[in-house]
C-alpha cells in the first residue's frame, strides 16, 4: 500500500470531536429580491448533512442568540443599538444613521425583517464554538451561518452586519496568546484586520 508517515497515520486514527452549530430559523431570513446572499443555503446544507448521515460524526448544538453586550466586545454601542432598532417598517426614521452605518436600500447591506436576530444567530454560534474550543470540549467547531468578515466596528459591509469572526477570535484570545485566522474567501476579509 501507499506509504503513510507514522505521525500522519496516528493522526488519522484519532477521532476528532467536531461541534456543529445550527439554528433552523437561520434559513428564514431574506436579504431581498436579487440579493446574492441567501441564508436559506444554510438550511439546505443542514438538510444535506442529515440526508447523508454526516450528522452522526458531529456533536450538533443549537447556539444561543448573542447578546448586545457580546456583540459590543468588537462593535460600537451606537452601531449595535441601531441594528437592534431598525426594521423595514421604521427605516425611513433612520436615514442619517443608515448612511453612517453602511446600511440601506441601495447598499449591499439592506434592511430586512429580523435583521438583528439574524446577526444574533450567527454571532452566537461563532462565540459558542470558540468557547467550546477554549474549554477543550471540541477539536473543531463549525458555524456555516458565520464567516461574515467584512463587518467593521461601526459599519456593515459586503453583506456582513456583525463580524462573528472577530467575536470568535476575541473569545479565543481569552485562553490562547495567538490565533491564526485563514481567510479562503475570494474577497479580503477587511473587517478582521
C-alpha atoms as a PDB file:
ATOM      1  CA  UNK A   1       0.000   0.000   0.000  1.00  0.00           C
ATOM      2  CA  UNK A   2       0.923   3.675  -0.034  1.00  0.00           C
ATOM      3  CA  UNK A   3       3.493   4.920   2.441  1.00  0.00           C
ATOM      4  CA  UNK A   4       1.914   6.989   5.200  1.00  0.00           C
ATOM      5  CA  UNK A   5       4.292   8.661   7.663  1.00  0.00           C
ATOM      6  CA  UNK A   6       3.819   7.308  11.193  1.00  0.00           C
ATOM      7  CA  UNK A   7       2.699  10.684  12.595  1.00  0.00           C
ATOM      8  CA  UNK A   8       0.021  11.088   9.927  1.00  0.00           C
ATOM      9  CA  UNK A   9      -1.231   7.540  10.414  1.00  0.00           C
ATOM     10  CA  UNK A  10      -1.612   8.171  14.152  1.00  0.00           C
ATOM     11  CA  UNK A  11      -3.438  11.440  13.477  1.00  0.00           C
ATOM     12  CA  UNK A  12      -5.848   9.667  11.122  1.00  0.00           C
ATOM     13  CA  UNK A  13      -6.775   7.214  13.890  1.00  0.00           C
ATOM     14  CA  UNK A  14      -7.680   9.960  16.365  1.00  0.00           C
ATOM     15  CA  UNK A  15     -11.397  10.698  16.404  1.00  0.00           C
ATOM     16  CA  UNK A  16     -11.818  14.434  16.285  1.00  0.00           C
ATOM     17  CA  UNK A  17     -14.646  15.985  18.272  1.00  0.00           C
ATOM     18  CA  UNK A  18     -16.469  18.228  15.834  1.00  0.00           C
ATOM     19  CA  UNK A  19     -19.025  20.671  17.237  1.00  0.00           C
ATOM     20  CA  UNK A  20     -21.560  21.834  14.660  1.00  0.00           C
ATOM     21  CA  UNK A  21     -23.787  24.840  15.400  1.00  0.00           C
ATOM     22  CA  UNK A  22     -27.126  25.284  13.684  1.00  0.00           C
ATOM     23  CA  UNK A  23     -30.459  27.005  14.278  1.00  0.00           C
ATOM     24  CA  UNK A  24     -33.302  26.064  11.962  1.00  0.00           C
ATOM     25  CA  UNK A  25     -34.586  29.625  11.790  1.00  0.00           C
ATOM     26  CA  UNK A  26     -31.358  30.907  10.184  1.00  0.00           C
ATOM     27  CA  UNK A  27     -32.722  29.973   6.756  1.00  0.00           C
ATOM     28  CA  UNK A  28     -35.856  32.066   7.202  1.00  0.00           C
ATOM     29  CA  UNK A  29     -34.130  35.427   6.703  1.00  0.00           C
ATOM     30  CA  UNK A  30     -34.242  37.119   3.327  1.00  0.00           C
ATOM     31  CA  UNK A  31     -31.977  39.945   2.157  1.00  0.00           C
ATOM     32  CA  UNK A  32     -34.367  40.784  -0.681  1.00  0.00           C
ATOM     33  CA  UNK A  33     -35.083  40.031  -4.324  1.00  0.00           C
ATOM     34  CA  UNK A  34     -31.969  39.713  -6.446  1.00  0.00           C
ATOM     35  CA  UNK A  35     -29.566  39.865  -3.500  1.00  0.00           C
ATOM     36  CA  UNK A  36     -26.819  37.212  -3.778  1.00  0.00           C
ATOM     37  CA  UNK A  37     -26.744  36.479  -0.017  1.00  0.00           C
ATOM     38  CA  UNK A  38     -29.277  33.745   0.655  1.00  0.00           C
ATOM     39  CA  UNK A  39     -29.390  32.451   4.247  1.00  0.00           C
ATOM     40  CA  UNK A  40     -31.665  29.617   3.074  1.00  0.00           C
ATOM     41  CA  UNK A  41     -28.456  27.966   1.818  1.00  0.00           C
ATOM     42  CA  UNK A  42     -27.557  27.162   5.440  1.00  0.00           C
ATOM     43  CA  UNK A  43     -30.814  25.256   5.763  1.00  0.00           C
ATOM     44  CA  UNK A  44     -30.066  23.369   2.545  1.00  0.00           C
ATOM     45  CA  UNK A  45     -26.557  22.492   3.764  1.00  0.00           C
ATOM     46  CA  UNK A  46     -28.039  21.253   7.037  1.00  0.00           C
ATOM     47  CA  UNK A  47     -30.524  19.037   5.186  1.00  0.00           C
ATOM     48  CA  UNK A  48     -27.648  17.549   3.171  1.00  0.00           C
ATOM     49  CA  UNK A  49     -25.849  16.793   6.431  1.00  0.00           C
ATOM     50  CA  UNK A  50     -28.948  14.963   7.625  1.00  0.00           C
ATOM     51  CA  UNK A  51     -29.624  13.187   4.324  1.00  0.00           C
ATOM     52  CA  UNK A  52     -26.094  11.812   4.038  1.00  0.00           C
ATOM     53  CA  UNK A  53     -25.924  10.875   7.718  1.00  0.00           C
ATOM     54  CA  UNK A  54     -22.925  13.131   8.299  1.00  0.00           C
ATOM     55  CA  UNK A  55     -24.533  14.472  11.467  1.00  0.00           C
ATOM     56  CA  UNK A  56     -23.647  11.147  13.128  1.00  0.00           C
ATOM     57  CA  UNK A  57     -20.000  12.234  13.057  1.00  0.00           C
ATOM     58  CA  UNK A  58     -20.786  15.574  14.715  1.00  0.00           C
ATOM     59  CA  UNK A  59     -21.925  16.930  18.041  1.00  0.00           C
ATOM     60  CA  UNK A  60     -24.862  19.112  16.980  1.00  0.00           C
ATOM     61  CA  UNK A  61     -25.661  22.193  19.071  1.00  0.00           C
ATOM     62  CA  UNK A  62     -28.275  24.922  18.896  1.00  0.00           C
ATOM     63  CA  UNK A  63     -26.341  28.145  19.546  1.00  0.00           C
ATOM     64  CA  UNK A  64     -27.502  30.866  21.884  1.00  0.00           C
ATOM     65  CA  UNK A  65     -28.517  34.230  20.461  1.00  0.00           C
ATOM     66  CA  UNK A  66     -25.613  36.612  21.020  1.00  0.00           C
ATOM     67  CA  UNK A  67     -26.435  39.442  23.373  1.00  0.00           C
ATOM     68  CA  UNK A  68     -25.876  43.101  22.591  1.00  0.00           C
ATOM     69  CA  UNK A  69     -23.101  43.097  25.209  1.00  0.00           C
ATOM     70  CA  UNK A  70     -21.329  40.204  23.482  1.00  0.00           C
ATOM     71  CA  UNK A  71     -21.517  41.914  20.087  1.00  0.00           C
ATOM     72  CA  UNK A  72     -20.231  45.140  21.652  1.00  0.00           C
ATOM     73  CA  UNK A  73     -16.991  43.317  22.515  1.00  0.00           C
ATOM     74  CA  UNK A  74     -15.991  44.407  18.994  1.00  0.00           C
ATOM     75  CA  UNK A  75     -18.749  46.611  17.604  1.00  0.00           C
ATOM     76  CA  UNK A  76     -19.552  50.119  18.816  1.00  0.00           C
ATOM     77  CA  UNK A  77     -22.538  50.567  21.127  1.00  0.00           C
ATOM     78  CA  UNK A  78     -24.296  53.024  18.834  1.00  0.00           C
ATOM     79  CA  UNK A  79     -23.982  50.619  15.890  1.00  0.00           C
ATOM     80  CA  UNK A  80     -25.378  47.592  17.766  1.00  0.00           C
ATOM     81  CA  UNK A  81     -28.151  49.749  19.260  1.00  0.00           C
ATOM     82  CA  UNK A  82     -29.013  50.918  15.735  1.00  0.00           C
ATOM     83  CA  UNK A  83     -29.133  47.319  14.443  1.00  0.00           C
ATOM     84  CA  UNK A  84     -31.435  46.371  17.313  1.00  0.00           C
ATOM     85  CA  UNK A  85     -33.928  49.123  16.429  1.00  0.00           C
ATOM     86  CA  UNK A  86     -34.063  49.331  12.646  1.00  0.00           C
ATOM     87  CA  UNK A  87     -36.741  47.456  10.699  1.00  0.00           C
ATOM     88  CA  UNK A  88     -38.118  47.744   7.165  1.00  0.00           C
ATOM     89  CA  UNK A  89     -41.155  49.476   8.678  1.00  0.00           C
ATOM     90  CA  UNK A  90     -39.237  52.227  10.502  1.00  0.00           C
ATOM     91  CA  UNK A  91     -36.104  52.621   8.379  1.00  0.00           C
ATOM     92  CA  UNK A  92     -37.280  55.981   6.996  1.00  0.00           C
ATOM     93  CA  UNK A  93     -36.787  57.358  10.533  1.00  0.00           C
ATOM     94  CA  UNK A  94     -33.111  56.312  10.457  1.00  0.00           C
ATOM     95  CA  UNK A  95     -31.963  57.787   7.120  1.00  0.00           C
ATOM     96  CA  UNK A  96     -28.911  59.593   8.558  1.00  0.00           C
ATOM     97  CA  UNK A  97     -27.854  56.591  10.647  1.00  0.00           C
ATOM     98  CA  UNK A  98     -28.297  54.207   7.726  1.00  0.00           C
ATOM     99  CA  UNK A  99     -25.794  56.142   5.660  1.00  0.00           C
ATOM    100  CA  UNK A 100     -23.389  56.433   8.605  1.00  0.00           C
ATOM    101  CA  UNK A 101     -23.516  52.677   9.274  1.00  0.00           C
ATOM    102  CA  UNK A 102     -23.364  51.488   5.649  1.00  0.00           C
ATOM    103  CA  UNK A 103     -26.871  50.069   5.581  1.00  0.00           C
ATOM    104  CA  UNK A 104     -29.574  50.934   3.110  1.00  0.00           C
ATOM    105  CA  UNK A 105     -31.848  50.228   0.230  1.00  0.00           C
ATOM    106  CA  UNK A 106     -29.096  50.696  -2.359  1.00  0.00           C
ATOM    107  CA  UNK A 107     -26.341  49.141  -0.259  1.00  0.00           C
ATOM    108  CA  UNK A 108     -25.159  45.538  -0.372  1.00  0.00           C
ATOM    109  CA  UNK A 109     -26.343  45.509   3.260  1.00  0.00           C
ATOM    110  CA  UNK A 110     -30.090  46.159   3.099  1.00  0.00           C
ATOM    111  CA  UNK A 111     -32.549  46.377   5.972  1.00  0.00           C
ATOM    112  CA  UNK A 112     -34.688  43.234   6.145  1.00  0.00           C
ATOM    113  CA  UNK A 113     -37.164  41.692   8.570  1.00  0.00           C
ATOM    114  CA  UNK A 114     -35.399  40.094  11.507  1.00  0.00           C
ATOM    115  CA  UNK A 115     -32.008  41.632  10.703  1.00  0.00           C
ATOM    116  CA  UNK A 116     -30.943  41.915  14.347  1.00  0.00           C
ATOM    117  CA  UNK A 117     -31.964  38.360  15.229  1.00  0.00           C
ATOM    118  CA  UNK A 118     -30.144  37.076  12.150  1.00  0.00           C
ATOM    119  CA  UNK A 119     -26.985  38.776  13.432  1.00  0.00           C
ATOM    120  CA  UNK A 120     -27.543  37.324  16.903  1.00  0.00           C
ATOM    121  CA  UNK A 121     -27.815  33.794  15.452  1.00  0.00           C
ATOM    122  CA  UNK A 122     -24.546  33.721  13.539  1.00  0.00           C
ATOM    123  CA  UNK A 123     -22.624  35.686  16.171  1.00  0.00           C
ATOM    124  CA  UNK A 124     -23.892  33.413  18.950  1.00  0.00           C
ATOM    125  CA  UNK A 125     -22.873  30.291  17.045  1.00  0.00           C
ATOM    126  CA  UNK A 126     -19.317  31.530  16.484  1.00  0.00           C
ATOM    127  CA  UNK A 127     -18.953  32.621  20.107  1.00  0.00           C
ATOM    128  CA  UNK A 128     -20.298  29.252  21.302  1.00  0.00           C
ATOM    129  CA  UNK A 129     -17.838  27.429  19.050  1.00  0.00           C
ATOM    130  CA  UNK A 130     -14.916  29.456  20.393  1.00  0.00           C
ATOM    131  CA  UNK A 131     -15.983  28.806  23.999  1.00  0.00           C
ATOM    132  CA  UNK A 132     -16.224  25.056  23.324  1.00  0.00           C
ATOM    133  CA  UNK A 133     -12.731  25.101  21.770  1.00  0.00           C
ATOM    134  CA  UNK A 134     -11.358  27.140  24.673  1.00  0.00           C
ATOM    135  CA  UNK A 135     -12.617  24.609  27.207  1.00  0.00           C
ATOM    136  CA  UNK A 136     -11.261  21.641  25.250  1.00  0.00           C
ATOM    137  CA  UNK A 137     -14.731  20.228  24.556  1.00  0.00           C
ATOM    138  CA  UNK A 138     -14.160  20.141  20.784  1.00  0.00           C
ATOM    139  CA  UNK A 139     -11.280  19.912  18.338  1.00  0.00           C
ATOM    140  CA  UNK A 140     -13.194  21.615  15.527  1.00  0.00           C
ATOM    141  CA  UNK A 141     -16.178  23.983  15.617  1.00  0.00           C
ATOM    142  CA  UNK A 142     -18.368  24.625  12.563  1.00  0.00           C
ATOM    143  CA  UNK A 143     -20.756  27.531  12.055  1.00  0.00           C
ATOM    144  CA  UNK A 144     -21.791  27.628   8.416  1.00  0.00           C
ATOM    145  CA  UNK A 145     -24.022  30.617   9.060  1.00  0.00           C
ATOM    146  CA  UNK A 146     -20.976  32.652  10.095  1.00  0.00           C
ATOM    147  CA  UNK A 147     -17.823  33.917   8.481  1.00  0.00           C
ATOM    148  CA  UNK A 148     -19.221  37.409   7.985  1.00  0.00           C
ATOM    149  CA  UNK A 149     -15.800  39.009   7.891  1.00  0.00           C
ATOM    150  CA  UNK A 150     -16.473  42.342   6.175  1.00  0.00           C
ATOM    151  CA  UNK A 151     -18.409  43.997   9.016  1.00  0.00           C
ATOM    152  CA  UNK A 152     -16.403  46.726  10.681  1.00  0.00           C
ATOM    153  CA  UNK A 153     -16.604  48.159  14.191  1.00  0.00           C
ATOM    154  CA  UNK A 154     -19.322  50.663  13.246  1.00  0.00           C
ATOM    155  CA  UNK A 155     -20.242  49.746   9.692  1.00  0.00           C
ATOM    156  CA  UNK A 156     -21.911  46.995   7.712  1.00  0.00           C
ATOM    157  CA  UNK A 157     -20.113  45.963   4.548  1.00  0.00           C
ATOM    158  CA  UNK A 158     -20.111  43.191   1.966  1.00  0.00           C
ATOM    159  CA  UNK A 159     -23.374  41.532   3.135  1.00  0.00           C
ATOM    160  CA  UNK A 160     -21.991  41.490   6.702  1.00  0.00           C
ATOM    161  CA  UNK A 161     -23.527  43.340   9.650  1.00  0.00           C
ATOM    162  CA  UNK A 162     -21.873  41.720  12.698  1.00  0.00           C
ATOM    163  CA  UNK A 163     -18.362  40.308  12.463  1.00  0.00           C
ATOM    164  CA  UNK A 164     -18.693  36.910  14.120  1.00  0.00           C
ATOM    165  CA  UNK A 165     -15.117  36.047  13.138  1.00  0.00           C
ATOM    166  CA  UNK A 166     -13.672  38.865  15.244  1.00  0.00           C
ATOM    167  CA  UNK A 167     -16.017  37.956  18.113  1.00  0.00           C
ATOM    168  CA  UNK A 168     -14.786  34.340  17.987  1.00  0.00           C
ATOM    169  CA  UNK A 169     -11.144  35.455  17.810  1.00  0.00           C
ATOM    170  CA  UNK A 170     -11.634  37.729  20.829  1.00  0.00           C
ATOM    171  CA  UNK A 171     -13.102  34.768  22.726  1.00  0.00           C
ATOM    172  CA  UNK A 172     -10.197  32.509  21.697  1.00  0.00           C
ATOM    173  CA  UNK A 173      -7.676  35.141  22.813  1.00  0.00           C
ATOM    174  CA  UNK A 174      -9.009  34.801  26.363  1.00  0.00           C
ATOM    175  CA  UNK A 175      -7.270  31.397  26.531  1.00  0.00           C
ATOM    176  CA  UNK A 176      -4.662  31.479  23.775  1.00  0.00           C
ATOM    177  CA  UNK A 177      -1.854  34.013  23.235  1.00  0.00           C
ATOM    178  CA  UNK A 178      -2.298  33.963  19.448  1.00  0.00           C
ATOM    179  CA  UNK A 179      -4.949  32.915  16.945  1.00  0.00           C
ATOM    180  CA  UNK A 180      -4.259  32.067  13.316  1.00  0.00           C
ATOM    181  CA  UNK A 181      -7.028  33.326  11.020  1.00  0.00           C
ATOM    182  CA  UNK A 182      -7.033  31.891   7.491  1.00  0.00           C
ATOM    183  CA  UNK A 183      -9.465  33.504   5.081  1.00  0.00           C
ATOM    184  CA  UNK A 184     -10.280  31.487   1.957  1.00  0.00           C
ATOM    185  CA  UNK A 185     -12.947  33.844   0.608  1.00  0.00           C
ATOM    186  CA  UNK A 186     -12.298  35.381  -2.792  1.00  0.00           C
ATOM    187  CA  UNK A 187     -12.656  38.805  -1.135  1.00  0.00           C
ATOM    188  CA  UNK A 188     -10.245  40.098   1.506  1.00  0.00           C
ATOM    189  CA  UNK A 189     -11.820  39.909   4.995  1.00  0.00           C
ATOM    190  CA  UNK A 190     -11.183  43.579   5.666  1.00  0.00           C
ATOM    191  CA  UNK A 191     -13.299  43.665   8.821  1.00  0.00           C
ATOM    192  CA  UNK A 192     -10.901  41.294  10.591  1.00  0.00           C
ATOM    193  CA  UNK A 193      -7.637  43.192  10.093  1.00  0.00           C
END
